[in-house]
Amino acid sequence: MNNLTKYAAMLGLVLGWFCSGCGKNALEPATPVPIDCQTFLVKYFEAVKSKDVGKIREFSSYVSHADREGMPAGSIDMMRETKGKFAAEGFERMNKEFGDFQSYSVISANETTVTTAELAAKKMQGTRLQGVHAEIICKAKFSKKHSALIRLNLFKETQDSEYSVEAWSYQAEP
C-alpha cells in the first residue's frame, strides 16, 4: 500500500467519524425516553428557557386524587398554591445561580407503574401514590455555570393523563 492510499484511507476515516455526528440535534435525548415523558420534557424545558414561572408553577402544583381525599376544597387550593410557590422559588434560585438555560440532554429515564396491589410494599420505599412514576435525570447547559444535573420525579395517575412534577432538584455538575 503506498503513502497516497494510506493518507486517503486515514482521511476517509476522519471524515466518516466527523460526519457521523452531523445532523444530530443537541436537544435529542441521549437515552431512550418514553414518548409521554419526552412530550412533557419538551414543554417543561420550553417553560424553563422562556422563564415562564406560571408554567413552572402549573407543572408542579398538581394534587393527586389520594391527597385530595377527605380534604376541604380550601385546603386543596392551599396545597396547590404552596407546591407552585416552592417550585417557582426553586426555579428562580436556579436561574440566578446558573444563568439562562440553553439546552438539555437526558442522562437516564426510568418509568414504573405502581398498582393498588403494589402500593403497600412501595410505601416502604417512599412511593405513596398509585399511578405512573418517572424519574428522569437531565444534564442541562446554562450561560453562567456551564452545566447542572436536574432530577425530575414525574407522576400521572393514569396512562392517559399528563405528567406533573412530583419533586425536582438540581445541582451543579462536578
N, C-alpha and C. Protein backbone atom coordinates (compact mmCIF):
# COMPACT_ATOMS: atom_id res chain seq x y z
N MET A 1 0.85 -1.16 0.00
CA MET A 1 0.00 0.00 0.00
C MET A 1 0.91 1.24 0.00
N ASN A 2 0.69 2.12 -0.92
CA ASN A 2 1.55 3.31 -0.99
C ASN A 2 1.04 4.40 -0.04
N ASN A 3 1.86 5.44 0.12
CA ASN A 3 1.52 6.52 1.06
C ASN A 3 0.24 7.24 0.69
N LEU A 4 0.00 7.45 -0.59
CA LEU A 4 -1.21 8.15 -1.02
C LEU A 4 -2.46 7.37 -0.60
N THR A 5 -2.42 6.06 -0.73
CA THR A 5 -3.55 5.21 -0.35
C THR A 5 -3.76 5.28 1.17
N LYS A 6 -2.66 5.26 1.94
CA LYS A 6 -2.76 5.34 3.40
C LYS A 6 -3.40 6.66 3.82
N TYR A 7 -2.94 7.77 3.21
CA TYR A 7 -3.50 9.08 3.55
C TYR A 7 -4.98 9.18 3.17
N ALA A 8 -5.32 8.63 2.03
CA ALA A 8 -6.72 8.66 1.59
C ALA A 8 -7.59 7.85 2.56
N ALA A 9 -7.08 6.70 3.00
CA ALA A 9 -7.83 5.87 3.95
C ALA A 9 -7.99 6.59 5.29
N MET A 10 -6.93 7.24 5.77
CA MET A 10 -7.00 7.97 7.04
C MET A 10 -7.97 9.16 6.93
N LEU A 11 -7.91 9.87 5.80
CA LEU A 11 -8.82 10.98 5.59
C LEU A 11 -10.27 10.50 5.57
N GLY A 12 -10.50 9.38 4.93
CA GLY A 12 -11.84 8.80 4.89
C GLY A 12 -12.34 8.44 6.27
N LEU A 13 -11.47 7.86 7.11
CA LEU A 13 -11.86 7.52 8.48
C LEU A 13 -12.18 8.77 9.30
N VAL A 14 -11.33 9.79 9.18
CA VAL A 14 -11.56 11.03 9.92
C VAL A 14 -12.86 11.69 9.47
N LEU A 15 -13.07 11.78 8.17
CA LEU A 15 -14.31 12.38 7.66
C LEU A 15 -15.53 11.56 8.08
N GLY A 16 -15.41 10.25 8.04
CA GLY A 16 -16.51 9.38 8.46
C GLY A 16 -16.84 9.58 9.93
N TRP A 17 -15.81 9.67 10.77
CA TRP A 17 -16.01 9.91 12.20
C TRP A 17 -16.66 11.27 12.42
N PHE A 18 -16.15 12.29 11.74
CA PHE A 18 -16.69 13.65 11.88
C PHE A 18 -18.14 13.71 11.42
N CYS A 19 -18.44 13.14 10.29
CA CYS A 19 -19.79 13.23 9.73
C CYS A 19 -20.80 12.36 10.47
N SER A 20 -20.30 11.37 11.22
CA SER A 20 -21.24 10.53 11.97
C SER A 20 -22.00 11.34 13.01
N GLY A 21 -21.42 12.44 13.46
CA GLY A 21 -22.11 13.32 14.41
C GLY A 21 -22.95 14.38 13.73
N CYS A 22 -22.83 14.52 12.43
CA CYS A 22 -23.59 15.55 11.73
C CYS A 22 -25.08 15.23 11.75
N GLY A 23 -25.88 16.24 11.87
CA GLY A 23 -27.33 16.05 11.82
C GLY A 23 -27.94 15.68 13.15
N LYS A 24 -27.11 15.45 14.18
CA LYS A 24 -27.66 15.14 15.49
C LYS A 24 -28.03 16.43 16.19
N ASN A 25 -29.18 16.46 16.75
CA ASN A 25 -29.67 17.63 17.45
C ASN A 25 -29.17 17.60 18.89
N ALA A 26 -28.64 18.71 19.37
CA ALA A 26 -28.12 18.77 20.74
C ALA A 26 -29.24 18.55 21.76
N LEU A 27 -30.48 18.77 21.37
CA LEU A 27 -31.58 18.59 22.31
C LEU A 27 -32.18 17.19 22.26
N GLU A 28 -31.66 16.33 21.39
CA GLU A 28 -32.15 14.96 21.34
C GLU A 28 -31.75 14.25 22.61
N PRO A 29 -32.61 13.41 23.15
CA PRO A 29 -32.24 12.70 24.36
C PRO A 29 -31.09 11.73 24.10
N ALA A 30 -30.16 11.65 25.06
CA ALA A 30 -29.02 10.76 24.94
C ALA A 30 -29.40 9.34 25.33
N THR A 31 -30.54 9.17 25.91
CA THR A 31 -31.00 7.86 26.35
C THR A 31 -32.46 7.72 25.94
N PRO A 32 -32.93 6.50 25.72
CA PRO A 32 -34.34 6.33 25.33
C PRO A 32 -35.28 6.87 26.41
N VAL A 33 -36.27 7.62 25.98
CA VAL A 33 -37.24 8.22 26.89
C VAL A 33 -38.63 7.87 26.39
N PRO A 34 -39.52 7.38 27.28
CA PRO A 34 -40.90 7.12 26.85
C PRO A 34 -41.50 8.38 26.23
N ILE A 35 -42.31 8.21 25.20
CA ILE A 35 -42.82 9.34 24.42
C ILE A 35 -43.58 10.35 25.26
N ASP A 36 -44.38 9.89 26.23
CA ASP A 36 -45.12 10.85 27.06
C ASP A 36 -44.18 11.63 27.98
N CYS A 37 -43.10 11.00 28.42
CA CYS A 37 -42.10 11.72 29.22
C CYS A 37 -41.39 12.76 28.34
N GLN A 38 -41.04 12.37 27.12
CA GLN A 38 -40.37 13.31 26.22
C GLN A 38 -41.27 14.49 25.88
N THR A 39 -42.55 14.23 25.69
CA THR A 39 -43.51 15.31 25.43
C THR A 39 -43.53 16.29 26.60
N PHE A 40 -43.55 15.74 27.81
CA PHE A 40 -43.52 16.60 29.00
C PHE A 40 -42.22 17.39 29.06
N LEU A 41 -41.08 16.73 28.82
CA LEU A 41 -39.78 17.41 28.89
C LEU A 41 -39.70 18.59 27.92
N VAL A 42 -40.22 18.40 26.72
CA VAL A 42 -40.19 19.48 25.73
C VAL A 42 -40.96 20.69 26.28
N LYS A 43 -42.17 20.46 26.80
CA LYS A 43 -42.97 21.55 27.36
C LYS A 43 -42.28 22.18 28.57
N TYR A 44 -41.75 21.34 29.43
CA TYR A 44 -41.11 21.82 30.66
C TYR A 44 -39.90 22.69 30.34
N PHE A 45 -39.01 22.19 29.47
CA PHE A 45 -37.80 22.96 29.17
C PHE A 45 -38.08 24.17 28.29
N GLU A 46 -39.18 24.17 27.54
CA GLU A 46 -39.59 25.39 26.84
C GLU A 46 -39.96 26.46 27.87
N ALA A 47 -40.65 26.05 28.93
CA ALA A 47 -41.01 27.00 30.00
C ALA A 47 -39.76 27.48 30.74
N VAL A 48 -38.80 26.58 30.95
CA VAL A 48 -37.55 26.98 31.61
C VAL A 48 -36.81 27.98 30.75
N LYS A 49 -36.70 27.69 29.44
CA LYS A 49 -35.96 28.58 28.53
C LYS A 49 -36.62 29.96 28.46
N SER A 50 -37.93 30.01 28.41
CA SER A 50 -38.64 31.29 28.30
C SER A 50 -38.87 31.93 29.68
N LYS A 51 -38.40 31.27 30.74
CA LYS A 51 -38.55 31.75 32.12
C LYS A 51 -40.00 31.99 32.48
N ASP A 52 -40.86 31.08 32.03
CA ASP A 52 -42.30 31.16 32.27
C ASP A 52 -42.62 30.56 33.65
N VAL A 53 -42.53 31.39 34.67
CA VAL A 53 -42.75 30.94 36.05
C VAL A 53 -44.17 30.39 36.22
N GLY A 54 -45.14 30.97 35.53
CA GLY A 54 -46.52 30.49 35.61
C GLY A 54 -46.63 29.04 35.17
N LYS A 55 -45.96 28.69 34.08
CA LYS A 55 -45.98 27.29 33.58
C LYS A 55 -45.27 26.37 34.56
N ILE A 56 -44.13 26.82 35.10
CA ILE A 56 -43.38 26.01 36.07
C ILE A 56 -44.28 25.73 37.28
N ARG A 57 -44.98 26.75 37.74
CA ARG A 57 -45.92 26.57 38.86
C ARG A 57 -47.01 25.56 38.49
N GLU A 58 -47.54 25.70 37.28
CA GLU A 58 -48.61 24.81 36.81
C GLU A 58 -48.13 23.36 36.76
N PHE A 59 -46.94 23.13 36.24
CA PHE A 59 -46.40 21.77 36.15
C PHE A 59 -46.19 21.14 37.53
N SER A 60 -45.98 21.97 38.54
CA SER A 60 -45.60 21.48 39.86
C SER A 60 -46.71 21.52 40.90
N SER A 61 -47.88 22.01 40.55
CA SER A 61 -48.92 22.22 41.57
C SER A 61 -50.04 21.18 41.55
N TYR A 62 -49.82 20.06 40.90
CA TYR A 62 -50.85 19.02 40.85
C TYR A 62 -51.03 18.38 42.22
N VAL A 63 -52.27 18.20 42.62
CA VAL A 63 -52.60 17.50 43.86
C VAL A 63 -53.31 16.21 43.46
N SER A 64 -52.74 15.10 43.84
CA SER A 64 -53.28 13.80 43.43
C SER A 64 -54.63 13.51 44.07
N HIS A 65 -55.33 12.55 43.48
CA HIS A 65 -56.63 12.11 43.99
C HIS A 65 -56.47 11.61 45.43
N ALA A 66 -55.40 10.87 45.69
CA ALA A 66 -55.18 10.34 47.04
C ALA A 66 -54.98 11.47 48.05
N ASP A 67 -54.27 12.52 47.64
CA ASP A 67 -54.06 13.65 48.54
C ASP A 67 -55.32 14.47 48.74
N ARG A 68 -56.18 14.53 47.73
CA ARG A 68 -57.42 15.32 47.80
C ARG A 68 -58.49 14.66 48.66
N GLU A 69 -58.42 13.34 48.79
CA GLU A 69 -59.46 12.60 49.51
C GLU A 69 -59.63 13.13 50.93
N GLY A 70 -60.86 13.51 51.24
CA GLY A 70 -61.20 13.95 52.59
C GLY A 70 -60.74 15.37 52.93
N MET A 71 -60.16 16.08 52.00
CA MET A 71 -59.71 17.45 52.27
C MET A 71 -60.76 18.45 51.83
N PRO A 72 -60.94 19.50 52.58
CA PRO A 72 -61.83 20.57 52.11
C PRO A 72 -61.20 21.28 50.91
N ALA A 73 -62.04 21.84 50.05
CA ALA A 73 -61.57 22.49 48.81
C ALA A 73 -60.53 23.57 49.10
N GLY A 74 -60.72 24.34 50.16
CA GLY A 74 -59.77 25.40 50.51
C GLY A 74 -58.39 24.86 50.80
N SER A 75 -58.32 23.70 51.44
CA SER A 75 -57.03 23.08 51.75
C SER A 75 -56.35 22.58 50.49
N ILE A 76 -57.14 22.06 49.56
CA ILE A 76 -56.58 21.58 48.29
C ILE A 76 -55.98 22.76 47.53
N ASP A 77 -56.71 23.87 47.49
CA ASP A 77 -56.20 25.06 46.81
C ASP A 77 -54.92 25.56 47.47
N MET A 78 -54.89 25.53 48.81
CA MET A 78 -53.70 25.97 49.54
C MET A 78 -52.51 25.05 49.23
N MET A 79 -52.77 23.75 49.15
CA MET A 79 -51.71 22.80 48.83
C MET A 79 -51.16 23.06 47.43
N ARG A 80 -52.05 23.29 46.46
CA ARG A 80 -51.63 23.62 45.09
C ARG A 80 -50.77 24.88 45.08
N GLU A 81 -51.24 25.89 45.78
CA GLU A 81 -50.52 27.17 45.84
C GLU A 81 -49.13 27.00 46.46
N THR A 82 -49.06 26.25 47.53
CA THR A 82 -47.78 26.02 48.21
C THR A 82 -46.80 25.27 47.32
N LYS A 83 -47.29 24.21 46.67
CA LYS A 83 -46.42 23.44 45.76
C LYS A 83 -45.91 24.33 44.62
N GLY A 84 -46.80 25.12 44.05
CA GLY A 84 -46.42 26.03 42.97
C GLY A 84 -45.42 27.08 43.43
N LYS A 85 -45.63 27.60 44.62
CA LYS A 85 -44.74 28.62 45.18
C LYS A 85 -43.33 28.07 45.37
N PHE A 86 -43.22 26.87 45.95
CA PHE A 86 -41.91 26.25 46.15
C PHE A 86 -41.20 26.00 44.82
N ALA A 87 -41.95 25.55 43.83
CA ALA A 87 -41.36 25.30 42.51
C ALA A 87 -40.86 26.61 41.89
N ALA A 88 -41.65 27.67 41.99
CA ALA A 88 -41.26 28.96 41.43
C ALA A 88 -40.02 29.52 42.13
N GLU A 89 -39.97 29.41 43.46
CA GLU A 89 -38.81 29.90 44.20
C GLU A 89 -37.55 29.12 43.83
N GLY A 90 -37.67 27.80 43.73
CA GLY A 90 -36.52 26.97 43.33
C GLY A 90 -36.05 27.30 41.92
N PHE A 91 -37.00 27.51 41.03
CA PHE A 91 -36.69 27.87 39.65
C PHE A 91 -35.95 29.21 39.59
N GLU A 92 -36.41 30.18 40.35
CA GLU A 92 -35.76 31.49 40.37
C GLU A 92 -34.35 31.41 40.95
N ARG A 93 -34.15 30.58 42.00
CA ARG A 93 -32.81 30.37 42.55
C ARG A 93 -31.89 29.76 41.51
N MET A 94 -32.41 28.77 40.78
CA MET A 94 -31.61 28.10 39.75
C MET A 94 -31.21 29.11 38.67
N ASN A 95 -32.12 29.96 38.24
CA ASN A 95 -31.80 30.97 37.23
C ASN A 95 -30.72 31.94 37.71
N LYS A 96 -30.81 32.38 38.96
CA LYS A 96 -29.80 33.30 39.50
C LYS A 96 -28.43 32.63 39.57
N GLU A 97 -28.43 31.38 39.99
CA GLU A 97 -27.16 30.66 40.17
C GLU A 97 -26.52 30.24 38.86
N PHE A 98 -27.32 29.77 37.90
CA PHE A 98 -26.77 29.18 36.69
C PHE A 98 -26.90 30.06 35.44
N GLY A 99 -27.77 31.04 35.47
CA GLY A 99 -27.95 31.90 34.30
C GLY A 99 -29.03 31.37 33.38
N ASP A 100 -28.99 31.81 32.15
CA ASP A 100 -30.00 31.44 31.17
C ASP A 100 -29.84 29.99 30.72
N PHE A 101 -30.96 29.29 30.67
CA PHE A 101 -30.99 27.91 30.19
C PHE A 101 -30.71 27.89 28.69
N GLN A 102 -29.89 26.91 28.26
CA GLN A 102 -29.56 26.81 26.84
C GLN A 102 -30.04 25.50 26.20
N SER A 103 -29.76 24.37 26.83
CA SER A 103 -30.17 23.08 26.25
C SER A 103 -30.14 21.99 27.32
N TYR A 104 -30.64 20.83 26.95
CA TYR A 104 -30.60 19.69 27.87
C TYR A 104 -30.42 18.40 27.09
N SER A 105 -29.96 17.38 27.80
CA SER A 105 -29.96 16.02 27.27
C SER A 105 -30.34 15.10 28.42
N VAL A 106 -31.00 14.01 28.10
CA VAL A 106 -31.45 13.07 29.12
C VAL A 106 -30.34 12.06 29.39
N ILE A 107 -29.97 11.96 30.66
CA ILE A 107 -28.94 11.00 31.06
C ILE A 107 -29.57 9.66 31.40
N SER A 108 -30.70 9.71 32.13
CA SER A 108 -31.39 8.46 32.45
C SER A 108 -32.88 8.73 32.59
N ALA A 109 -33.66 7.71 32.28
CA ALA A 109 -35.12 7.80 32.40
C ALA A 109 -35.63 6.43 32.84
N ASN A 110 -36.42 6.45 33.90
CA ASN A 110 -36.98 5.21 34.42
C ASN A 110 -38.45 5.43 34.72
N GLU A 111 -39.30 4.66 34.06
CA GLU A 111 -40.75 4.79 34.25
C GLU A 111 -41.28 3.50 34.85
N THR A 112 -42.07 3.64 35.93
CA THR A 112 -42.68 2.47 36.56
C THR A 112 -44.14 2.76 36.85
N THR A 113 -44.94 1.71 36.82
CA THR A 113 -46.36 1.82 37.15
C THR A 113 -46.57 1.11 38.48
N VAL A 114 -47.20 1.82 39.41
CA VAL A 114 -47.49 1.26 40.73
C VAL A 114 -48.98 0.99 40.79
N THR A 115 -49.33 -0.27 40.96
CA THR A 115 -50.73 -0.68 41.05
C THR A 115 -51.20 -0.63 42.51
N THR A 116 -52.49 -0.78 42.71
CA THR A 116 -53.05 -0.80 44.06
C THR A 116 -52.42 -1.92 44.88
N ALA A 117 -52.25 -3.08 44.27
CA ALA A 117 -51.68 -4.22 44.97
C ALA A 117 -50.23 -3.97 45.39
N GLU A 118 -49.49 -3.22 44.60
CA GLU A 118 -48.07 -2.96 44.90
C GLU A 118 -47.86 -1.79 45.85
N LEU A 119 -48.87 -0.95 46.02
CA LEU A 119 -48.72 0.29 46.76
C LEU A 119 -48.26 0.08 48.20
N ALA A 120 -48.80 -0.91 48.89
CA ALA A 120 -48.42 -1.14 50.30
C ALA A 120 -46.92 -1.41 50.41
N ALA A 121 -46.40 -2.26 49.54
CA ALA A 121 -44.97 -2.57 49.57
C ALA A 121 -44.13 -1.36 49.14
N LYS A 122 -44.60 -0.61 48.18
CA LYS A 122 -43.86 0.54 47.66
C LYS A 122 -43.81 1.70 48.67
N LYS A 123 -44.81 1.76 49.56
CA LYS A 123 -44.82 2.84 50.56
C LYS A 123 -43.57 2.78 51.43
N MET A 124 -43.07 1.59 51.69
CA MET A 124 -41.86 1.43 52.48
C MET A 124 -40.64 1.98 51.73
N GLN A 125 -40.71 2.07 50.41
CA GLN A 125 -39.62 2.58 49.59
C GLN A 125 -39.81 4.07 49.29
N GLY A 126 -40.84 4.69 49.86
CA GLY A 126 -41.06 6.12 49.68
C GLY A 126 -42.11 6.48 48.64
N THR A 127 -42.63 5.49 47.92
CA THR A 127 -43.67 5.75 46.93
C THR A 127 -45.01 5.75 47.64
N ARG A 128 -45.77 6.84 47.49
CA ARG A 128 -47.03 6.93 48.22
C ARG A 128 -48.24 7.04 47.31
N LEU A 129 -48.02 7.05 46.00
CA LEU A 129 -49.13 7.23 45.07
C LEU A 129 -49.23 6.11 44.06
N GLN A 130 -50.45 5.68 43.81
CA GLN A 130 -50.72 4.69 42.78
C GLN A 130 -50.76 5.42 41.44
N GLY A 131 -50.08 4.89 40.44
CA GLY A 131 -50.06 5.51 39.11
C GLY A 131 -48.74 5.30 38.43
N VAL A 132 -48.43 6.15 37.49
CA VAL A 132 -47.20 6.03 36.70
C VAL A 132 -46.19 7.04 37.23
N HIS A 133 -45.03 6.54 37.59
CA HIS A 133 -43.95 7.37 38.11
C HIS A 133 -42.80 7.33 37.11
N ALA A 134 -42.14 8.46 36.95
CA ALA A 134 -40.96 8.52 36.08
C ALA A 134 -39.90 9.33 36.79
N GLU A 135 -38.69 8.79 36.81
CA GLU A 135 -37.55 9.54 37.33
C GLU A 135 -36.64 9.81 36.15
N ILE A 136 -36.40 11.09 35.90
CA ILE A 136 -35.59 11.49 34.76
C ILE A 136 -34.46 12.38 35.25
N ILE A 137 -33.26 12.08 34.81
CA ILE A 137 -32.11 12.91 35.14
C ILE A 137 -31.60 13.52 33.84
N CYS A 138 -31.51 14.83 33.83
CA CYS A 138 -31.06 15.56 32.64
C CYS A 138 -29.79 16.34 32.95
N LYS A 139 -28.97 16.46 31.95
CA LYS A 139 -27.83 17.37 32.03
C LYS A 139 -28.26 18.62 31.27
N ALA A 140 -28.30 19.73 31.97
CA ALA A 140 -28.74 20.99 31.36
C ALA A 140 -27.56 21.94 31.26
N LYS A 141 -27.52 22.67 30.15
CA LYS A 141 -26.46 23.67 29.95
C LYS A 141 -27.05 25.05 30.18
N PHE A 142 -26.28 25.88 30.87
CA PHE A 142 -26.68 27.24 31.23
C PHE A 142 -25.58 28.23 30.84
N SER A 143 -25.91 29.51 30.90
CA SER A 143 -24.96 30.53 30.47
C SER A 143 -23.87 30.84 31.50
N LYS A 144 -24.18 30.83 32.80
CA LYS A 144 -23.18 31.17 33.82
C LYS A 144 -22.34 29.95 34.17
N LYS A 145 -22.94 29.02 34.88
CA LYS A 145 -22.27 27.77 35.20
C LYS A 145 -22.65 26.84 34.06
N HIS A 146 -21.69 26.24 33.48
CA HIS A 146 -21.92 25.57 32.21
C HIS A 146 -22.93 24.43 32.24
N SER A 147 -22.95 23.65 33.30
CA SER A 147 -23.95 22.58 33.28
C SER A 147 -24.38 22.20 34.70
N ALA A 148 -25.57 21.62 34.75
CA ALA A 148 -26.15 21.17 36.01
C ALA A 148 -26.92 19.89 35.74
N LEU A 149 -27.08 19.11 36.78
CA LEU A 149 -27.93 17.93 36.70
C LEU A 149 -29.29 18.30 37.29
N ILE A 150 -30.33 18.00 36.54
CA ILE A 150 -31.69 18.25 37.00
C ILE A 150 -32.41 16.91 37.10
N ARG A 151 -32.90 16.62 38.30
CA ARG A 151 -33.64 15.38 38.55
C ARG A 151 -35.11 15.73 38.66
N LEU A 152 -35.91 15.11 37.81
CA LEU A 152 -37.36 15.32 37.81
C LEU A 152 -38.05 14.02 38.20
N ASN A 153 -38.87 14.07 39.23
CA ASN A 153 -39.73 12.94 39.58
C ASN A 153 -41.13 13.31 39.11
N LEU A 154 -41.57 12.63 38.07
CA LEU A 154 -42.86 12.93 37.46
C LEU A 154 -43.89 11.91 37.91
N PHE A 155 -45.17 12.32 37.84
CA PHE A 155 -46.25 11.43 38.23
C PHE A 155 -47.49 11.72 37.40
N LYS A 156 -48.19 10.66 37.07
CA LYS A 156 -49.53 10.78 36.50
C LYS A 156 -50.35 9.62 37.04
N GLU A 157 -51.64 9.88 37.27
CA GLU A 157 -52.49 8.89 37.92
C GLU A 157 -52.90 7.75 36.99
N THR A 158 -53.06 8.04 35.70
CA THR A 158 -53.44 7.01 34.73
C THR A 158 -52.52 7.10 33.52
N GLN A 159 -52.53 6.06 32.70
CA GLN A 159 -51.72 6.06 31.48
C GLN A 159 -52.12 7.20 30.55
N ASP A 160 -53.40 7.58 30.58
CA ASP A 160 -53.91 8.60 29.66
C ASP A 160 -53.77 10.04 30.15
N SER A 161 -53.47 10.22 31.44
CA SER A 161 -53.34 11.59 31.94
C SER A 161 -51.93 12.13 31.63
N GLU A 162 -51.75 13.43 31.86
CA GLU A 162 -50.46 14.05 31.59
C GLU A 162 -49.61 14.06 32.85
N TYR A 163 -48.30 14.07 32.64
CA TYR A 163 -47.38 14.11 33.77
C TYR A 163 -47.41 15.46 34.47
N SER A 164 -47.11 15.43 35.75
CA SER A 164 -46.86 16.64 36.53
C SER A 164 -45.58 16.37 37.33
N VAL A 165 -44.99 17.43 37.85
CA VAL A 165 -43.76 17.30 38.64
C VAL A 165 -44.15 17.00 40.07
N GLU A 166 -43.75 15.83 40.54
CA GLU A 166 -43.99 15.48 41.94
C GLU A 166 -42.88 16.07 42.81
N ALA A 167 -41.65 16.03 42.32
CA ALA A 167 -40.50 16.61 43.02
C ALA A 167 -39.40 16.87 41.98
N TRP A 168 -38.51 17.81 42.28
CA TRP A 168 -37.38 18.06 41.41
C TRP A 168 -36.23 18.63 42.22
N SER A 169 -35.05 18.47 41.70
CA SER A 169 -33.88 19.06 42.33
C SER A 169 -32.84 19.33 41.26
N TYR A 170 -31.87 20.15 41.61
CA TYR A 170 -30.79 20.44 40.68
C TYR A 170 -29.49 20.58 41.46
N GLN A 171 -28.39 20.36 40.77
CA GLN A 171 -27.08 20.58 41.38
C GLN A 171 -26.07 20.85 40.28
N ALA A 172 -25.08 21.65 40.61
CA ALA A 172 -24.02 21.92 39.64
C ALA A 172 -23.30 20.61 39.34
N GLU A 173 -22.97 20.43 38.11
CA GLU A 173 -22.26 19.22 37.74
C GLU A 173 -20.81 19.34 38.21
N PRO A 174 -20.30 18.30 38.86
CA PRO A 174 -18.92 18.35 39.38
C PRO A 174 -17.88 18.51 38.29
